[in-house]
C-alpha atoms as a PDB file:
ATOM      1  CA  MET A   1       0.000   0.000   0.000  1.00  0.00           C
ATOM      2  CA  ASP A   2       1.208   3.517  -0.769  1.00  0.00           C
ATOM      3  CA  GLU A   3       1.333   6.402   1.712  1.00  0.00           C
ATOM      4  CA  ILE A   4      -2.033   7.845   0.664  1.00  0.00           C
ATOM      5  CA  GLN A   5      -3.734   4.500   1.248  1.00  0.00           C
ATOM      6  CA  LYS A   6      -2.010   4.133   4.612  1.00  0.00           C
ATOM      7  CA  THR A   7      -3.263   7.583   5.658  1.00  0.00           C
ATOM      8  CA  LEU A   8      -6.815   6.674   4.638  1.00  0.00           C
ATOM      9  CA  LEU A   9      -6.528   3.434   6.581  1.00  0.00           C
ATOM     10  CA  GLU A  10      -5.479   5.323   9.688  1.00  0.00           C
ATOM     11  CA  GLN A  11      -8.415   7.745   9.351  1.00  0.00           C
ATOM     12  CA  VAL A  12     -11.172   5.152   8.912  1.00  0.00           C
ATOM     13  CA  ALA A  13      -9.873   2.280  11.018  1.00  0.00           C
ATOM     14  CA  GLY A  14      -7.196   3.712  13.310  1.00  0.00           C
ATOM     15  CA  LEU A  15      -4.648   1.278  11.891  1.00  0.00           C
ATOM     16  CA  HIS A  16      -0.920   1.962  11.784  1.00  0.00           C
ATOM     17  CA  GLU A  17       0.048  -1.688  11.320  1.00  0.00           C
ATOM     18  CA  VAL A  18      -1.524  -5.104  10.820  1.00  0.00           C
ATOM     19  CA  PRO A  19      -4.263  -5.409  13.465  1.00  0.00           C
ATOM     20  CA  GLU A  20      -4.722  -8.162  15.974  1.00  0.00           C
ATOM     21  CA  GLY A  21      -7.556 -10.568  15.287  1.00  0.00           C
ATOM     22  CA  ALA A  22      -9.231 -11.158  11.947  1.00  0.00           C
ATOM     23  CA  TYR A  23      -9.002  -8.563   9.173  1.00  0.00           C
ATOM     24  CA  ASN A  24      -9.561  -7.915   5.484  1.00  0.00           C
ATOM     25  CA  ILE A  25      -8.126  -4.759   3.905  1.00  0.00           C
ATOM     26  CA  ARG A  26      -9.527  -3.741   0.515  1.00  0.00           C
ATOM     27  CA  ALA A  27      -7.735  -1.181  -1.660  1.00  0.00           C
ATOM     28  CA  ASN A  28      -8.799   0.099  -5.093  1.00  0.00           C
ATOM     29  CA  GLY A  29     -11.252  -2.725  -5.699  1.00  0.00           C
ATOM     30  CA  LYS A  30      -9.132  -5.648  -4.482  1.00  0.00           C
ATOM     31  CA  SER A  31      -8.425  -7.458  -1.240  1.00  0.00           C
ATOM     32  CA  VAL A  32      -4.762  -6.755  -0.444  1.00  0.00           C
ATOM     33  CA  GLU A  33      -4.319  -8.248   3.030  1.00  0.00           C
ATOM     34  CA  ARG A  34      -6.265 -10.760   5.099  1.00  0.00           C
ATOM     35  CA  GLY A  35      -5.919 -12.597   8.378  1.00  0.00           C
ATOM     36  CA  THR A  36      -8.156 -15.051  10.211  1.00  0.00           C
ATOM     37  CA  THR A  37      -8.210 -16.619  13.679  1.00  0.00           C
ATOM     38  CA  ALA A  38      -9.234 -19.944  15.144  1.00  0.00           C
ATOM     39  CA  HIS A  39     -12.716 -18.537  15.810  1.00  0.00           C
ATOM     40  CA  ILE A  40     -13.223 -16.100  12.914  1.00  0.00           C
ATOM     41  CA  ASP A  41     -13.014 -17.009   9.234  1.00  0.00           C
ATOM     42  CA  ILE A  42     -13.192 -14.670   6.230  1.00  0.00           C
ATOM     43  CA  VAL A  43     -14.186 -16.146   2.868  1.00  0.00           C
ATOM     44  CA  THR A  44     -14.291 -14.437  -0.522  1.00  0.00           C
ATOM     45  CA  LYS A  45     -17.698 -14.589  -2.214  1.00  0.00           C
ATOM     46  CA  GLU A  46     -17.786 -16.473  -5.484  1.00  0.00           C
ATOM     47  CA  ASP A  47     -20.891 -14.902  -7.056  1.00  0.00           C
ATOM     48  CA  LYS A  48     -20.208 -11.195  -6.405  1.00  0.00           C
ATOM     49  CA  GLN A  49     -17.730  -8.756  -4.890  1.00  0.00           C
ATOM     50  CA  GLY A  50     -17.433  -9.105  -1.128  1.00  0.00           C
ATOM     51  CA  ILE A  51     -16.720 -11.455   1.735  1.00  0.00           C
ATOM     52  CA  ASP A  52     -18.436 -13.651   4.311  1.00  0.00           C
ATOM     53  CA  ILE A  53     -17.263 -13.179   7.893  1.00  0.00           C
ATOM     54  CA  ILE A  54     -18.089 -16.263   9.957  1.00  0.00           C
ATOM     55  CA  ILE A  55     -17.788 -15.984  13.725  1.00  0.00           C
ATOM     56  CA  LYS A  56     -18.109 -19.189  15.708  1.00  0.00           C
ATOM     57  CA  PRO A  57     -20.538 -19.440  18.652  1.00  0.00           C
ATOM     58  CA  GLY A  58     -18.991 -18.474  21.975  1.00  0.00           C
ATOM     59  CA  THR A  59     -16.262 -16.245  20.501  1.00  0.00           C
ATOM     60  CA  LYS A  60     -15.322 -13.661  23.137  1.00  0.00           C
ATOM     61  CA  LYS A  61     -13.277 -10.439  23.128  1.00  0.00           C
ATOM     62  CA  GLU A  62     -12.092 -10.714  19.523  1.00  0.00           C
ATOM     63  CA  SER A  63     -12.152  -8.137  16.745  1.00  0.00           C
ATOM     64  CA  VAL A  64     -12.647  -7.925  12.994  1.00  0.00           C
ATOM     65  CA  HIS A  65     -11.275  -5.065  10.845  1.00  0.00           C
ATOM     66  CA  ILE A  66     -12.650  -4.690   7.298  1.00  0.00           C
ATOM     67  CA  PRO A  67     -11.661  -1.214   6.019  1.00  0.00           C
ATOM     68  CA  VAL A  68     -11.873  -0.092   2.383  1.00  0.00           C
ATOM     69  CA  VAL A  69      -9.652   2.567   0.778  1.00  0.00           C
ATOM     70  CA  LEU A  70      -9.824   4.095  -2.708  1.00  0.00           C
ATOM     71  CA  SER A  71      -7.075   6.293  -4.124  1.00  0.00           C
ATOM     72  CA  GLN A  72      -7.777   5.797  -7.838  1.00  0.00           C
ATOM     73  CA  SER A  73      -9.902   8.525  -9.435  1.00  0.00           C
ATOM     74  CA  GLY A  74     -12.893   7.250 -11.400  1.00  0.00           C
ATOM     75  CA  LEU A  75     -13.148   3.923  -9.581  1.00  0.00           C
ATOM     76  CA  THR A  76     -16.676   2.687  -8.813  1.00  0.00           C
ATOM     77  CA  GLU A  77     -17.437  -0.466  -6.861  1.00  0.00           C
ATOM     78  CA  MET A  78     -20.271  -2.327  -5.149  1.00  0.00           C
ATOM     79  CA  VAL A  79     -19.354  -4.689  -2.302  1.00  0.00           C
ATOM     80  CA  TYR A  80     -21.461  -7.166  -0.324  1.00  0.00           C
ATOM     81  CA  ASN A  81     -20.196  -8.218   3.112  1.00  0.00           C
ATOM     82  CA  ASP A  82     -22.181 -10.704   5.233  1.00  0.00           C
ATOM     83  CA  PHE A  83     -21.515 -11.284   8.945  1.00  0.00           C
ATOM     84  CA  TYR A  84     -22.637 -14.534  10.555  1.00  0.00           C
ATOM     85  CA  VAL A  85     -22.321 -14.112  14.321  1.00  0.00           C
ATOM     86  CA  GLY A  86     -22.931 -17.239  16.410  1.00  0.00           C
ATOM     87  CA  ASP A  87     -24.729 -17.484  19.741  1.00  0.00           C
ATOM     88  CA  ASP A  88     -23.075 -16.127  22.894  1.00  0.00           C
ATOM     89  CA  CYS A  89     -20.431 -14.059  21.085  1.00  0.00           C
ATOM     90  CA  ASP A  90     -18.850 -10.806  22.294  1.00  0.00           C
ATOM     91  CA  ILE A  91     -17.003  -9.112  19.423  1.00  0.00           C
ATOM     92  CA  THR A  92     -16.011  -5.745  17.951  1.00  0.00           C
ATOM     93  CA  ILE A  93     -16.186  -5.016  14.217  1.00  0.00           C
ATOM     94  CA  ILE A  94     -14.358  -2.005  12.725  1.00  0.00           C
ATOM     95  CA  ALA A  95     -15.353  -1.031   9.195  1.00  0.00           C
ATOM     96  CA  GLY A  96     -15.156   2.178   7.197  1.00  0.00           C
ATOM     97  CA  CYS A  97     -14.237   3.651   3.846  1.00  0.00           C
ATOM     98  CA  GLY A  98     -11.725   6.317   2.869  1.00  0.00           C
ATOM     99  CA  ILE A  99     -11.584   7.908  -0.601  1.00  0.00           C
ATOM    100  CA  HIS A 100      -8.756  10.113  -1.872  1.00  0.00           C
ATOM    101  CA  ASN A 101      -9.611  11.727  -5.206  1.00  0.00           C
ATOM    102  CA  CYS A 102      -7.217  14.102  -6.982  1.00  0.00           C
ATOM    103  CA  GLY A 103      -8.697  13.551 -10.439  1.00  0.00           C
ATOM    104  CA  ASN A 104     -11.657  14.905 -12.390  1.00  0.00           C
ATOM    105  CA  GLN A 105     -13.732  11.712 -12.349  1.00  0.00           C
ATOM    106  CA  ASP A 106     -16.038  10.669  -9.509  1.00  0.00           C
ATOM    107  CA  SER A 107     -14.872   7.914  -7.151  1.00  0.00           C
ATOM    108  CA  ARG A 108     -17.632   5.861  -5.543  1.00  0.00           C
ATOM    109  CA  HIS A 109     -17.941   3.051  -3.024  1.00  0.00           C
ATOM    110  CA  ASP A 110     -21.287   1.391  -2.341  1.00  0.00           C
ATOM    111  CA  GLY A 111     -21.494  -1.379   0.210  1.00  0.00           C
ATOM    112  CA  ILE A 112     -24.125  -3.566   1.829  1.00  0.00           C
ATOM    113  CA  HIS A 113     -23.241  -5.027   5.222  1.00  0.00           C
ATOM    114  CA  SER A 114     -25.694  -7.696   6.400  1.00  0.00           C
ATOM    115  CA  PHE A 115     -25.569  -8.988   9.969  1.00  0.00           C
ATOM    116  CA  PHE A 116     -27.124 -12.272  11.036  1.00  0.00           C
ATOM    117  CA  ILE A 117     -26.663 -12.310  14.799  1.00  0.00           C
ATOM    118  CA  GLY A 118     -27.514 -15.300  16.964  1.00  0.00           C
ATOM    119  CA  LYS A 119     -28.874 -15.462  20.503  1.00  0.00           C
ATOM    120  CA  ASN A 120     -27.308 -13.797  23.554  1.00  0.00           C
ATOM    121  CA  ALA A 121     -24.595 -12.101  21.490  1.00  0.00           C
ATOM    122  CA  HIS A 122     -22.970  -8.683  21.953  1.00  0.00           C
ATOM    123  CA  VAL A 123     -21.721  -6.916  18.837  1.00  0.00           C
ATOM    124  CA  LYS A 124     -20.068  -3.493  18.701  1.00  0.00           C
ATOM    125  CA  TYR A 125     -19.887  -2.137  15.158  1.00  0.00           C
ATOM    126  CA  VAL A 126     -17.949   1.031  14.231  1.00  0.00           C
ATOM    127  CA  GLU A 127     -18.086   2.504  10.722  1.00  0.00           C
ATOM    128  CA  LYS A 128     -16.189   5.652   9.705  1.00  0.00           C
ATOM    129  CA  HIS A 129     -16.195   7.496   6.387  1.00  0.00           C
ATOM    130  CA  TYR A 130     -13.570   9.974   5.254  1.00  0.00           C
ATOM    131  CA  GLY A 131     -12.663  11.809   2.055  1.00  0.00           C
ATOM    132  CA  SER A 132      -9.608  13.749   0.911  1.00  0.00           C
ATOM    133  CA  GLY A 133      -7.962  15.076  -2.259  1.00  0.00           C
ATOM    134  CA  ASP A 134      -8.284  18.300  -4.242  1.00  0.00           C
ATOM    135  CA  GLY A 135      -9.567  16.927  -7.541  1.00  0.00           C
ATOM    136  CA  GLU A 136     -12.778  18.005  -9.238  1.00  0.00           C
ATOM    137  CA  GLY A 137     -14.189  14.481  -9.085  1.00  0.00           C
ATOM    138  CA  GLU A 138     -16.583  13.757  -6.247  1.00  0.00           C
ATOM    139  CA  ARG A 139     -16.088  11.323  -3.370  1.00  0.00           C
ATOM    140  CA  ILE A 140     -19.298   9.296  -3.073  1.00  0.00           C
ATOM    141  CA  MET A 141     -20.211   6.673  -0.469  1.00  0.00           C
ATOM    142  CA  ASN A 142     -23.540   4.866  -0.129  1.00  0.00           C
ATOM    143  CA  PRO A 143     -23.441   2.382   2.765  1.00  0.00           C
ATOM    144  CA  GLU A 144     -26.357   0.087   3.587  1.00  0.00           C
ATOM    145  CA  THR A 145     -26.553  -1.906   6.811  1.00  0.00           C
ATOM    146  CA  VAL A 146     -29.062  -4.711   7.361  1.00  0.00           C
ATOM    147  CA  VAL A 147     -29.396  -6.306  10.805  1.00  0.00           C
ATOM    148  CA  GLU A 148     -31.227  -9.437  11.956  1.00  0.00           C
ATOM    149  CA  LEU A 149     -30.814  -9.417  15.741  1.00  0.00           C
ATOM    150  CA  GLY A 150     -31.461 -12.689  17.590  1.00  0.00           C
ATOM    151  CA  GLU A 151     -33.085 -13.261  20.967  1.00  0.00           C
ATOM    152  CA  ASN A 152     -31.571 -11.345  23.884  1.00  0.00           C
ATOM    153  CA  SER A 153     -28.732 -10.039  21.716  1.00  0.00           C
ATOM    154  CA  PHE A 154     -27.327  -6.521  21.862  1.00  0.00           C
ATOM    155  CA  MET A 155     -25.816  -4.503  19.028  1.00  0.00           C
ATOM    156  CA  GLU A 156     -24.308  -1.046  19.396  1.00  0.00           C
ATOM    157  CA  MET A 157     -23.472   0.833  16.200  1.00  0.00           C
ATOM    158  CA  GLU A 158     -21.368   3.961  15.849  1.00  0.00           C
ATOM    159  CA  THR A 159     -21.295   5.675  12.461  1.00  0.00           C
ATOM    160  CA  VAL A 160     -19.067   8.678  11.822  1.00  0.00           C
ATOM    161  CA  GLN A 161     -18.671  11.002   8.835  1.00  0.00           C
ATOM    162  CA  ILE A 162     -16.870  14.238   9.621  1.00  0.00           C
ATOM    163  CA  LYS A 163     -14.878  15.284   6.556  1.00  0.00           C
ATOM    164  CA  GLY A 164     -14.524  15.137   2.803  1.00  0.00           C
ATOM    165  CA  VAL A 165     -17.500  13.091   1.557  1.00  0.00           C
ATOM    166  CA  ASP A 166     -19.339  14.943  -1.226  1.00  0.00           C
ATOM    167  CA  SER A 167     -22.425  12.758  -1.437  1.00  0.00           C
ATOM    168  CA  THR A 168     -23.749   9.964   0.754  1.00  0.00           C
ATOM    169  CA  ARG A 169     -26.950   8.000   1.234  1.00  0.00           C
ATOM    170  CA  ARG A 170     -26.776   5.965   4.430  1.00  0.00           C
ATOM    171  CA  LEU A 171     -29.486   3.336   4.898  1.00  0.00           C
ATOM    172  CA  THR A 172     -29.873   1.169   8.002  1.00  0.00           C
ATOM    173  CA  ARG A 173     -32.595  -1.470   8.424  1.00  0.00           C
ATOM    174  CA  ALA A 174     -33.006  -3.704  11.469  1.00  0.00           C
ATOM    175  CA  ARG A 175     -35.345  -6.405  12.705  1.00  0.00           C
ATOM    176  CA  LEU A 176     -35.269  -7.349  16.399  1.00  0.00           C
ATOM    177  CA  SER A 177     -36.347 -10.585  18.106  1.00  0.00           C
ATOM    178  CA  ASP A 178     -37.502 -11.136  21.717  1.00  0.00           C
ATOM    179  CA  GLY A 179     -35.369  -9.242  24.234  1.00  0.00           C
ATOM    180  CA  ALA A 180     -33.016  -7.841  21.582  1.00  0.00           C
ATOM    181  CA  LYS A 181     -31.558  -4.356  21.992  1.00  0.00           C
ATOM    182  CA  LEU A 182     -30.130  -1.969  19.389  1.00  0.00           C
ATOM    183  CA  ILE A 183     -28.350   1.353  19.976  1.00  0.00           C
ATOM    184  CA  ILE A 184     -27.238   3.477  17.019  1.00  0.00           C
ATOM    185  CA  THR A 185     -25.215   6.667  17.387  1.00  0.00           C
ATOM    186  CA  GLU A 186     -24.540   8.756  14.292  1.00  0.00           C
ATOM    187  CA  ARG A 187     -22.116  11.689  14.073  1.00  0.00           C
ATOM    188  CA  LEU A 188     -22.186  13.668  10.849  1.00  0.00           C
ATOM    189  CA  MET A 189     -20.763  16.923   9.531  1.00  0.00           C
ATOM    190  CA  THR A 190     -21.157  18.349   6.039  1.00  0.00           C
ATOM    191  CA  HIS A 191     -19.640  21.435   4.434  1.00  0.00           C
ATOM    192  CA  GLY A 192     -19.247  23.073   1.026  1.00  0.00           C
ATOM    193  CA  GLN A 193     -21.835  21.719  -1.424  1.00  0.00           C
ATOM    194  CA  GLN A 194     -22.051  18.304   0.203  1.00  0.00           C
ATOM    195  CA  ASN A 195     -25.254  16.277   0.481  1.00  0.00           C
ATOM    196  CA  ALA A 196     -25.991  13.633   3.114  1.00  0.00           C
ATOM    197  CA  GLU A 197     -29.063  11.486   3.680  1.00  0.00           C
ATOM    198  CA  SER A 198     -29.408   9.172   6.678  1.00  0.00           C
ATOM    199  CA  SER A 199     -32.329   6.765   6.768  1.00  0.00           C
ATOM    200  CA  PHE A 200     -33.175   4.314   9.552  1.00  0.00           C
ATOM    201  CA  GLU A 201     -35.978   1.754   9.676  1.00  0.00           C
ATOM    202  CA  VAL A 202     -36.326  -0.525  12.701  1.00  0.00           C
ATOM    203  CA  ASP A 203     -38.926  -3.253  13.220  1.00  0.00           C
ATOM    204  CA  LEU A 204     -39.359  -4.127  16.887  1.00  0.00           C
ATOM    205  CA  ASP A 205     -40.913  -7.540  16.326  1.00  0.00           C
ATOM    206  CA  GLY A 206     -39.893  -9.265  19.553  1.00  0.00           C
ATOM    207  CA  ALA A 207     -41.411  -8.961  22.998  1.00  0.00           C
ATOM    208  CA  ASP A 208     -39.331  -6.641  25.214  1.00  0.00           C
ATOM    209  CA  SER A 209     -37.130  -5.566  22.314  1.00  0.00           C
ATOM    210  CA  SER A 210     -35.817  -1.991  22.274  1.00  0.00           C
ATOM    211  CA  ALA A 211     -34.063   0.494  19.998  1.00  0.00           C
ATOM    212  CA  ASN A 212     -32.444   3.888  20.534  1.00  0.00           C
ATOM    213  CA  LEU A 213     -31.449   5.956  17.474  1.00  0.00           C
ATOM    214  CA  ILE A 214     -29.334   9.044  18.175  1.00  0.00           C
ATOM    215  CA  SER A 215     -28.044  11.476  15.551  1.00  0.00           C
ATOM    216  CA  ARG A 216     -25.728  14.450  16.126  1.00  0.00           C
ATOM    217  CA  ALA A 217     -25.228  16.503  12.981  1.00  0.00           C
ATOM    218  CA  VAL A 218     -23.627  19.777  11.874  1.00  0.00           C
ATOM    219  CA  ALA A 219     -24.307  21.343   8.461  1.00  0.00           C
ATOM    220  CA  ARG A 220     -22.052  24.167   7.272  1.00  0.00           C
ATOM    221  CA  ASP A 221     -21.646  26.373   4.171  1.00  0.00           C
ATOM    222  CA  ASP A 222     -24.177  25.379   1.464  1.00  0.00           C
ATOM    223  CA  SER A 223     -24.482  21.716   2.409  1.00  0.00           C
ATOM    224  CA  ARG A 224     -27.727  19.784   2.789  1.00  0.00           C
ATOM    225  CA  GLN A 225     -28.776  17.029   5.173  1.00  0.00           C
ATOM    226  CA  LEU A 226     -31.834  14.808   5.483  1.00  0.00           C
ATOM    227  CA  PHE A 227     -32.504  12.605   8.525  1.00  0.00           C
ATOM    228  CA  LEU A 228     -35.230   9.940   8.316  1.00  0.00           C
ATOM    229  CA  ALA A 229     -36.017   7.660  11.258  1.00  0.00           C
ATOM    230  CA  LYS A 230     -38.842   5.118  11.233  1.00  0.00           C
ATOM    231  CA  ILE A 231     -39.572   2.807  14.168  1.00  0.00           C
ATOM    232  CA  ASN A 232     -42.317   0.187  14.010  1.00  0.00           C
ATOM    233  CA  GLY A 233     -43.443  -1.181  17.379  1.00  0.00           C
ATOM    234  CA  ASN A 234     -44.916  -4.580  16.537  1.00  0.00           C
ATOM    235  CA  ASN A 235     -44.879  -6.080  20.029  1.00  0.00           C
ATOM    236  CA  ARG A 236     -44.373  -5.091  23.663  1.00  0.00           C
ATOM    237  CA  CYS A 237     -41.308  -2.918  23.119  1.00  0.00           C
ATOM    238  CA  ALA A 238     -39.589   0.441  23.593  1.00  0.00           C
ATOM    239  CA  GLY A 239     -38.308   2.686  20.821  1.00  0.00           C
ATOM    240  CA  HIS A 240     -36.700   6.134  20.791  1.00  0.00           C
ATOM    241  CA  SER A 241     -35.260   8.329  18.044  1.00  0.00           C
ATOM    242  CA  GLU A 242     -33.455  11.621  18.563  1.00  0.00           C
ATOM    243  CA  CYS A 243     -31.970  14.057  16.057  1.00  0.00           C
ATOM    244  CA  ASP A 244     -30.013  17.084  17.308  1.00  0.00           C
ATOM    245  CA  ALA A 245     -28.518  19.283  14.611  1.00  0.00           C
ATOM    246  CA  ILE A 246     -26.580  22.547  14.357  1.00  0.00           C
ATOM    247  CA  ILE A 247     -27.180  24.597  11.232  1.00  0.00           C
ATOM    248  CA  MET A 248     -24.630  27.165  10.049  1.00  0.00           C
ATOM    249  CA  ASP A 249     -24.100  29.579   7.150  1.00  0.00           C
ATOM    250  CA  ASN A 250     -26.488  28.762   4.245  1.00  0.00           C
ATOM    251  CA  ALA A 251     -26.966  25.069   5.005  1.00  0.00           C
ATOM    252  CA  LYS A 252     -30.294  23.218   5.019  1.00  0.00           C
ATOM    253  CA  ILE A 253     -31.370  20.370   7.328  1.00  0.00           C
ATOM    254  CA  SER A 254     -34.550  18.297   7.408  1.00  0.00           C
ATOM    255  CA  ALA A 255     -35.441  15.827  10.179  1.00  0.00           C
ATOM    256  CA  VAL A 256     -38.349  13.445   9.553  1.00  0.00           C
ATOM    257  CA  PRO A 257     -39.026  11.084  12.456  1.00  0.00           C
ATOM    258  CA  GLU A 258     -41.827   8.506  12.195  1.00  0.00           C
ATOM    259  CA  ILE A 259     -43.102   6.121  14.843  1.00  0.00           C
ATOM    260  CA  THR A 260     -45.821   3.510  14.350  1.00  0.00           C
ATOM    261  CA  ALA A 261     -47.352   1.492  17.184  1.00  0.00           C
ATOM    262  CA  ASN A 262     -48.892  -1.796  16.060  1.00  0.00           C
ATOM    263  CA  HIS A 263     -49.229  -3.186  19.582  1.00  0.00           C
ATOM    264  CA  LEU A 264     -50.938  -1.918  22.735  1.00  0.00           C
ATOM    265  CA  ASP A 265     -47.704  -2.122  24.754  1.00  0.00           C
ATOM    266  CA  ALA A 266     -45.421  -0.435  22.237  1.00  0.00           C
ATOM    267  CA  ALA A 267     -43.836   2.624  23.901  1.00  0.00           C
ATOM    268  CA  LEU A 268     -42.334   4.897  21.254  1.00  0.00           C
ATOM    269  CA  ILE A 269     -40.806   8.391  21.449  1.00  0.00           C
ATOM    270  CA  HIS A 270     -39.281  10.686  18.848  1.00  0.00           C
ATOM    271  CA  GLU A 271     -37.398  13.959  19.290  1.00  0.00           C
ATOM    272  CA  ALA A 272     -35.884  16.396  16.799  1.00  0.00           C
ATOM    273  CA  ALA A 273     -34.163  19.746  17.315  1.00  0.00           C
ATOM    274  CA  ILE A 274     -32.387  21.975  14.784  1.00  0.00           C
ATOM    275  CA  GLY A 275     -30.842  25.333  15.624  1.00  0.00           C
ATOM    276  CA  LYS A 276     -27.862  27.613  15.325  1.00  0.00           C
ATOM    277  CA  ILE A 277     -25.076  27.982  17.872  1.00  0.00           C
ATOM    278  CA  ALA A 278     -26.214  30.216  20.718  1.00  0.00           C
ATOM    279  CA  GLY A 279     -24.445  33.575  20.805  1.00  0.00           C
ATOM    280  CA  ASP A 280     -23.888  33.437  24.554  1.00  0.00           C
ATOM    281  CA  GLN A 281     -21.926  30.197  24.156  1.00  0.00           C
ATOM    282  CA  ILE A 282     -19.511  31.881  21.755  1.00  0.00           C
ATOM    283  CA  ILE A 283     -19.212  34.984  23.946  1.00  0.00           C
ATOM    284  CA  LYS A 284     -18.453  32.871  27.014  1.00  0.00           C
ATOM    285  CA  LEU A 285     -15.595  31.081  25.247  1.00  0.00           C
ATOM    286  CA  MET A 286     -14.272  34.344  23.797  1.00  0.00           C
ATOM    287  CA  THR A 287     -13.983  35.732  27.334  1.00  0.00           C
ATOM    288  CA  LEU A 288     -11.581  32.853  27.982  1.00  0.00           C
ATOM    289  CA  GLY A 289      -9.274  34.062  25.218  1.00  0.00           C
ATOM    290  CA  LEU A 290     -10.564  32.242  22.137  1.00  0.00           C
ATOM    291  CA  SER A 291     -11.305  33.968  18.849  1.00  0.00           C
ATOM    292  CA  GLU A 292     -14.828  33.716  17.450  1.00  0.00           C
ATOM    293  CA  SER A 293     -13.816  31.022  14.949  1.00  0.00           C
ATOM    294  CA  GLU A 294     -11.938  29.077  17.630  1.00  0.00           C
ATOM    295  CA  ALA A 295     -14.947  29.258  19.949  1.00  0.00           C
ATOM    296  CA  GLU A 296     -17.211  28.049  17.170  1.00  0.00           C
ATOM    297  CA  ALA A 297     -14.890  25.133  16.427  1.00  0.00           C
ATOM    298  CA  GLN A 298     -14.764  24.144  20.101  1.00  0.00           C
ATOM    299  CA  ILE A 299     -18.566  24.065  20.312  1.00  0.00           C
ATOM    300  CA  VAL A 300     -18.903  21.975  17.148  1.00  0.00           C
ATOM    301  CA  ASN A 301     -16.213  19.506  18.229  1.00  0.00           C
ATOM    302  CA  GLY A 302     -17.803  19.095  21.640  1.00  0.00           C
ATOM    303  CA  PHE A 303     -21.242  18.598  20.093  1.00  0.00           C
ATOM    304  CA  LEU A 304     -19.998  15.829  17.795  1.00  0.00           C
ATOM    305  CA  LYS A 305     -18.120  13.858  20.475  1.00  0.00           C
END
């Protein structure tokens, strides 16, 4: 891998060297490095681009890294990655995509990650997106995540997009069984002419299942954002969606929460708030010696943590 690809890898996966545990590193449309463990296998799909990640029942405190980096202008790819997580597992999965584009053609990565999670499992999933390069071609990412969460299992997802992605459509769909729990935290910032759409749809099918969807977003310059959150309570369950957004400059943000109760004991809540940075917050920080732009940056960074 060249230095640009290594920098992208550090940004999206925090990797400076070969990680411990299982991993598959994809660069410019090809798998370039792979490692497996006694409990985690990674197999290349034969019918389409992508891999199967197979995690044996009872696997504890192991990790899987599957980052993607693109440094070739004009490259477009579609990748399908399927995760089969056995019963009673406790694992961490680090994904993400970084695109560096210095050319005049668009570079695009689309990916569908499907999770089939067994009973009594705990999965932490982190996905980061990052773009760089000064070319006229756009950096485009369209990730889709599909989750089938087994009985009494818990999945926590953290999705982050802070810099450099010109266009993105992020779709997450989940179906929960009895006692299953899902927590999703999204952190998103757009600037320039960027466009970002985040869409969530969760079916709480199981008794005592629960979901909590949390989005923190900042839109700057002339960028646009759309947040869609749909929760269907189909059993005795609890669901909550929350979108907090800061709007700046000439940006535009829309938040569209939707909750549907199809059962008497479905308890569902949605919240959405969009506003500018309060002037008294900036003044307070300026009294501590910061400039106005420094104060603004501190507030935004704190909001997105």
